[in-house]
Amino acid sequence: MHWMAFKSPQSGKENLAGFDLASEEFRSVELPDFCLDEPFWFGIGTMGGYLCLSAVHGELGDIVADVWIMKEYGVKESWSKLISWNQPHYIPSVVVPLAFSKNGKKVLFNIGYQWFSFDERDRFVWYDVGSERVEHVEIKGLPSSFDVHLYVESLVTLN
């Protein structure tokens, strides 16, 4: 399990904390080298079996979503920027990568507008990594705002 935490209340700088369920040990995972003062939203998850970090940053009208994956768990130098997506017509508050396509050339995103727009609807989009094109995914009956949570089933019981 992973979450963002402040190193100290006074610092205002966030750090990635983790808890290993098997060993019941906490650990600190170093973030990639980019400006931690600038992003205004972080997301932590997994994608394709890798630890994944999303950061939305910039100013209104010039919003950038970066997606990083950690190729070797616990090794700071293994963070690799998968995508830096600048879409000026989107002003999302949340950009969550969910999965790779079967061929690995596209990434499925959940785009959320909870804080910035009352007339925009949350949506799913495919992002083509090679061409940097966005394709909207139409799903009839979705509410205007929603959250997506992924999980992996397990037969292991938690005490």
C-alpha atoms as a PDB file:
ATOM      1  CA  MET A   1       0.000   0.000   0.000  1.00  0.00           C
ATOM      2  CA  HIS A   2       1.256   3.493  -0.835  1.00  0.00           C
ATOM      3  CA  TRP A   3       0.197   7.044  -0.050  1.00  0.00           C
ATOM      4  CA  MET A   4       1.550  10.580  -0.141  1.00  0.00           C
ATOM      5  CA  ALA A   5       2.664  11.966   3.216  1.00  0.00           C
ATOM      6  CA  PHE A   6       4.405  15.098   4.460  1.00  0.00           C
ATOM      7  CA  LYS A   7       7.998  14.612   5.607  1.00  0.00           C
ATOM      8  CA  SER A   8       7.176  17.034   8.407  1.00  0.00           C
ATOM      9  CA  PRO A   9       4.219  19.388   8.911  1.00  0.00           C
ATOM     10  CA  GLN A  10       6.550  22.378   8.659  1.00  0.00           C
ATOM     11  CA  SER A  11       8.228  21.351   5.392  1.00  0.00           C
ATOM     12  CA  GLY A  12       5.084  21.226   3.258  1.00  0.00           C
ATOM     13  CA  LYS A  13       6.922  18.731   1.009  1.00  0.00           C
ATOM     14  CA  GLU A  14       5.313  15.426   0.232  1.00  0.00           C
ATOM     15  CA  ASN A  15       6.964  12.044   0.227  1.00  0.00           C
ATOM     16  CA  LEU A  16       5.784   8.617  -0.885  1.00  0.00           C
ATOM     17  CA  ALA A  17       5.173   6.243   2.016  1.00  0.00           C
ATOM     18  CA  GLY A  18       4.613   2.509   1.693  1.00  0.00           C
ATOM     19  CA  PHE A  19       3.548  -0.379   3.867  1.00  0.00           C
ATOM     20  CA  ASP A  20       4.482  -3.970   2.997  1.00  0.00           C
ATOM     21  CA  LEU A  21       1.567  -6.183   4.058  1.00  0.00           C
ATOM     22  CA  ALA A  22       3.708  -9.334   4.034  1.00  0.00           C
ATOM     23  CA  SER A  23       6.517  -8.063   6.288  1.00  0.00           C
ATOM     24  CA  GLU A  24       4.360  -5.466   8.082  1.00  0.00           C
ATOM     25  CA  GLU A  25       7.082  -2.847   7.568  1.00  0.00           C
ATOM     26  CA  PHE A  26       6.827   0.815   6.609  1.00  0.00           C
ATOM     27  CA  ARG A  27       9.209   2.333   4.084  1.00  0.00           C
ATOM     28  CA  SER A  28       9.837   5.603   2.321  1.00  0.00           C
ATOM     29  CA  VAL A  29      10.003   5.508  -1.467  1.00  0.00           C
ATOM     30  CA  GLU A  30      11.939   8.326  -3.117  1.00  0.00           C
ATOM     31  CA  LEU A  31      10.091  10.296  -5.770  1.00  0.00           C
ATOM     32  CA  PRO A  32      11.534  11.113  -9.195  1.00  0.00           C
ATOM     33  CA  ASP A  33      13.494  14.336  -9.562  1.00  0.00           C
ATOM     34  CA  PHE A  34      10.979  16.959 -10.556  1.00  0.00           C
ATOM     35  CA  CYS A  35       9.694  20.051  -8.826  1.00  0.00           C
ATOM     36  CA  LEU A  36       7.546  18.887  -5.919  1.00  0.00           C
ATOM     37  CA  ASP A  37       6.466  22.439  -5.125  1.00  0.00           C
ATOM     38  CA  GLU A  38       4.694  22.839  -8.482  1.00  0.00           C
ATOM     39  CA  PRO A  39       2.234  19.897  -8.805  1.00  0.00           C
ATOM     40  CA  PHE A  40      -1.163  20.480  -7.244  1.00  0.00           C
ATOM     41  CA  TRP A  41      -2.431  16.895  -7.477  1.00  0.00           C
ATOM     42  CA  PHE A  42      -0.658  13.568  -7.056  1.00  0.00           C
ATOM     43  CA  GLY A  43      -2.019  10.108  -7.696  1.00  0.00           C
ATOM     44  CA  ILE A  44      -0.426   6.816  -6.692  1.00  0.00           C
ATOM     45  CA  GLY A  45      -1.355   3.474  -8.162  1.00  0.00           C
ATOM     46  CA  THR A  46      -0.119   0.560 -10.194  1.00  0.00           C
ATOM     47  CA  MET A  47      -0.197   0.079 -13.912  1.00  0.00           C
ATOM     48  CA  GLY A  48       1.203  -2.848 -15.841  1.00  0.00           C
ATOM     49  CA  GLY A  49       2.632  -4.265 -12.616  1.00  0.00           C
ATOM     50  CA  TYR A  50       4.649  -1.114 -11.850  1.00  0.00           C
ATOM     51  CA  LEU A  51       4.261   1.513  -9.145  1.00  0.00           C
ATOM     52  CA  CYS A  52       2.805   4.538 -10.930  1.00  0.00           C
ATOM     53  CA  LEU A  53       2.805   8.245  -9.996  1.00  0.00           C
ATOM     54  CA  SER A  54       0.605  10.876 -11.680  1.00  0.00           C
ATOM     55  CA  ALA A  55       1.184  14.592 -11.202  1.00  0.00           C
ATOM     56  CA  VAL A  56      -1.073  17.339 -12.551  1.00  0.00           C
ATOM     57  CA  HIS A  57       0.585  20.743 -12.546  1.00  0.00           C
ATOM     58  CA  GLY A  58       0.801  24.089 -14.292  1.00  0.00           C
ATOM     59  CA  GLU A  59      -1.428  27.117 -14.506  1.00  0.00           C
ATOM     60  CA  LEU A  60      -4.979  27.388 -15.832  1.00  0.00           C
ATOM     61  CA  GLY A  61      -4.856  27.121 -19.596  1.00  0.00           C
ATOM     62  CA  ASP A  62      -1.509  25.302 -19.502  1.00  0.00           C
ATOM     63  CA  ILE A  63      -2.158  22.154 -17.483  1.00  0.00           C
ATOM     64  CA  VAL A  64       0.272  19.248 -17.791  1.00  0.00           C
ATOM     65  CA  ALA A  65      -0.247  15.690 -16.583  1.00  0.00           C
ATOM     66  CA  ASP A  66       2.920  13.643 -16.066  1.00  0.00           C
ATOM     67  CA  VAL A  67       2.837   9.894 -15.527  1.00  0.00           C
ATOM     68  CA  TRP A  68       5.879   8.150 -14.048  1.00  0.00           C
ATOM     69  CA  ILE A  69       6.444   4.416 -13.515  1.00  0.00           C
ATOM     70  CA  MET A  70       9.016   2.836 -11.211  1.00  0.00           C
ATOM     71  CA  LYS A  71      10.573  -0.026 -13.162  1.00  0.00           C
ATOM     72  CA  GLU A  72      12.509  -1.474 -10.213  1.00  0.00           C
ATOM     73  CA  TYR A  73      10.681  -1.110  -6.906  1.00  0.00           C
ATOM     74  CA  GLY A  74      12.549   0.964  -4.326  1.00  0.00           C
ATOM     75  CA  VAL A  75      15.218   2.238  -6.750  1.00  0.00           C
ATOM     76  CA  LYS A  76      14.862   5.998  -7.263  1.00  0.00           C
ATOM     77  CA  GLU A  77      16.854   5.950 -10.502  1.00  0.00           C
ATOM     78  CA  SER A  78      14.361   3.515 -12.044  1.00  0.00           C
ATOM     79  CA  TRP A  79      11.561   6.129 -12.189  1.00  0.00           C
ATOM     80  CA  SER A  80      10.782   6.676 -15.864  1.00  0.00           C
ATOM     81  CA  LYS A  81       8.477   9.366 -17.252  1.00  0.00           C
ATOM     82  CA  LEU A  82       5.981   7.506 -19.394  1.00  0.00           C
ATOM     83  CA  ILE A  83       3.890  10.473 -20.523  1.00  0.00           C
ATOM     84  CA  SER A  84       3.921  14.246 -20.314  1.00  0.00           C
ATOM     85  CA  TRP A  85       0.495  15.201 -21.581  1.00  0.00           C
ATOM     86  CA  ASN A  86      -0.352  18.847 -22.259  1.00  0.00           C
ATOM     87  CA  GLN A  87      -3.932  19.281 -23.374  1.00  0.00           C
ATOM     88  CA  PRO A  88      -4.921  22.964 -23.189  1.00  0.00           C
ATOM     89  CA  HIS A  89      -8.623  22.225 -23.785  1.00  0.00           C
ATOM     90  CA  TYR A  90      -8.736  20.084 -20.621  1.00  0.00           C
ATOM     91  CA  ILE A  91      -8.527  21.632 -17.167  1.00  0.00           C
ATOM     92  CA  PRO A  92      -8.789  18.466 -15.084  1.00  0.00           C
ATOM     93  CA  SER A  93      -8.392  18.208 -11.361  1.00  0.00           C
ATOM     94  CA  VAL A  94      -7.594  14.478 -11.513  1.00  0.00           C
ATOM     95  CA  VAL A  95      -5.818  12.446 -14.212  1.00  0.00           C
ATOM     96  CA  VAL A  96      -5.622   8.757 -13.301  1.00  0.00           C
ATOM     97  CA  PRO A  97      -3.893   6.224 -15.554  1.00  0.00           C
ATOM     98  CA  LEU A  98      -5.789   2.941 -15.296  1.00  0.00           C
ATOM     99  CA  ALA A  99      -4.286   0.433 -17.721  1.00  0.00           C
ATOM    100  CA  PHE A 100      -2.233  -0.177 -20.822  1.00  0.00           C
ATOM    101  CA  SER A 101      -3.938  -1.435 -23.976  1.00  0.00           C
ATOM    102  CA  LYS A 102      -3.223  -5.045 -24.925  1.00  0.00           C
ATOM    103  CA  ASN A 103      -0.486  -3.942 -27.353  1.00  0.00           C
ATOM    104  CA  GLY A 104       0.972  -1.460 -24.810  1.00  0.00           C
ATOM    105  CA  LYS A 105       0.719   1.511 -27.187  1.00  0.00           C
ATOM    106  CA  LYS A 106      -2.181   3.270 -25.439  1.00  0.00           C
ATOM    107  CA  VAL A 107      -3.010   4.208 -21.858  1.00  0.00           C
ATOM    108  CA  LEU A 108      -6.569   4.376 -20.510  1.00  0.00           C
ATOM    109  CA  PHE A 109      -7.139   7.453 -18.307  1.00  0.00           C
ATOM    110  CA  ASN A 110      -9.924   8.562 -15.993  1.00  0.00           C
ATOM    111  CA  ILE A 111     -10.186  12.350 -16.329  1.00  0.00           C
ATOM    112  CA  GLY A 112     -11.938  14.109 -13.436  1.00  0.00           C
ATOM    113  CA  TYR A 113     -13.128  17.707 -13.216  1.00  0.00           C
ATOM    114  CA  GLN A 114     -14.305  17.807  -9.592  1.00  0.00           C
ATOM    115  CA  TRP A 115     -12.865  21.212  -8.709  1.00  0.00           C
ATOM    116  CA  PHE A 116     -12.701  23.252 -11.890  1.00  0.00           C
ATOM    117  CA  SER A 117     -15.776  22.812 -14.018  1.00  0.00           C
ATOM    118  CA  PHE A 118     -19.450  22.440 -13.330  1.00  0.00           C
ATOM    119  CA  ASP A 119     -20.360  21.814 -16.978  1.00  0.00           C
ATOM    120  CA  GLU A 120     -17.662  19.220 -17.809  1.00  0.00           C
ATOM    121  CA  ARG A 121     -18.313  15.535 -17.219  1.00  0.00           C
ATOM    122  CA  ASP A 122     -15.736  13.101 -15.882  1.00  0.00           C
ATOM    123  CA  ARG A 123     -14.660  10.754 -18.655  1.00  0.00           C
ATOM    124  CA  PHE A 124     -12.448   7.962 -19.858  1.00  0.00           C
ATOM    125  CA  VAL A 125      -9.967   8.545 -22.676  1.00  0.00           C
ATOM    126  CA  TRP A 126      -7.390   6.462 -24.502  1.00  0.00           C
ATOM    127  CA  TYR A 127      -4.055   8.261 -24.900  1.00  0.00           C
ATOM    128  CA  ASP A 128      -1.872   7.012 -27.762  1.00  0.00           C
ATOM    129  CA  VAL A 129       1.718   7.192 -26.487  1.00  0.00           C
ATOM    130  CA  GLY A 130       3.274   7.311 -29.977  1.00  0.00           C
ATOM    131  CA  SER A 131       1.016   9.852 -31.694  1.00  0.00           C
ATOM    132  CA  GLU A 132       0.007  11.672 -28.466  1.00  0.00           C
ATOM    133  CA  ARG A 133      -3.619  11.625 -29.630  1.00  0.00           C
ATOM    134  CA  VAL A 134      -6.622  11.387 -27.346  1.00  0.00           C
ATOM    135  CA  GLU A 135      -9.663   9.237 -28.097  1.00  0.00           C
ATOM    136  CA  HIS A 136     -12.793   9.629 -25.979  1.00  0.00           C
ATOM    137  CA  VAL A 137     -14.417   6.453 -24.648  1.00  0.00           C
ATOM    138  CA  GLU A 138     -18.208   6.611 -24.698  1.00  0.00           C
ATOM    139  CA  ILE A 139     -20.025   4.657 -21.994  1.00  0.00           C
ATOM    140  CA  LYS A 140     -23.765   5.293 -21.836  1.00  0.00           C
ATOM    141  CA  GLY A 141     -25.320   5.942 -18.440  1.00  0.00           C
ATOM    142  CA  LEU A 142     -22.223   7.176 -16.551  1.00  0.00           C
ATOM    143  CA  PRO A 143     -22.922   9.862 -13.946  1.00  0.00           C
ATOM    144  CA  SER A 144     -21.389  13.294 -14.543  1.00  0.00           C
ATOM    145  CA  SER A 145     -18.868  12.763 -11.732  1.00  0.00           C
ATOM    146  CA  PHE A 146     -17.351   9.467 -10.547  1.00  0.00           C
ATOM    147  CA  ASP A 147     -14.257   7.883  -9.036  1.00  0.00           C
ATOM    148  CA  VAL A 148     -12.456   4.772 -10.260  1.00  0.00           C
ATOM    149  CA  HIS A 149     -10.752   2.343  -7.888  1.00  0.00           C
ATOM    150  CA  LEU A 150      -8.873  -0.726  -9.063  1.00  0.00           C
ATOM    151  CA  TYR A 151      -8.278  -3.796  -6.934  1.00  0.00           C
ATOM    152  CA  VAL A 152      -6.794  -7.250  -7.287  1.00  0.00           C
ATOM    153  CA  GLU A 153      -8.637 -10.180  -5.783  1.00  0.00           C
ATOM    154  CA  SER A 154      -6.676 -12.373  -3.447  1.00  0.00           C
ATOM    155  CA  LEU A 155      -7.203 -15.511  -1.407  1.00  0.00           C
ATOM    156  CA  VAL A 156      -4.812 -14.191   1.238  1.00  0.00           C
ATOM    157  CA  THR A 157      -6.647 -13.156   4.383  1.00  0.00           C
ATOM    158  CA  LEU A 158      -5.684 -10.035   6.283  1.00  0.00           C
ATOM    159  CA  ASN A 159      -5.519 -10.337  10.071  1.00  0.00           C
END
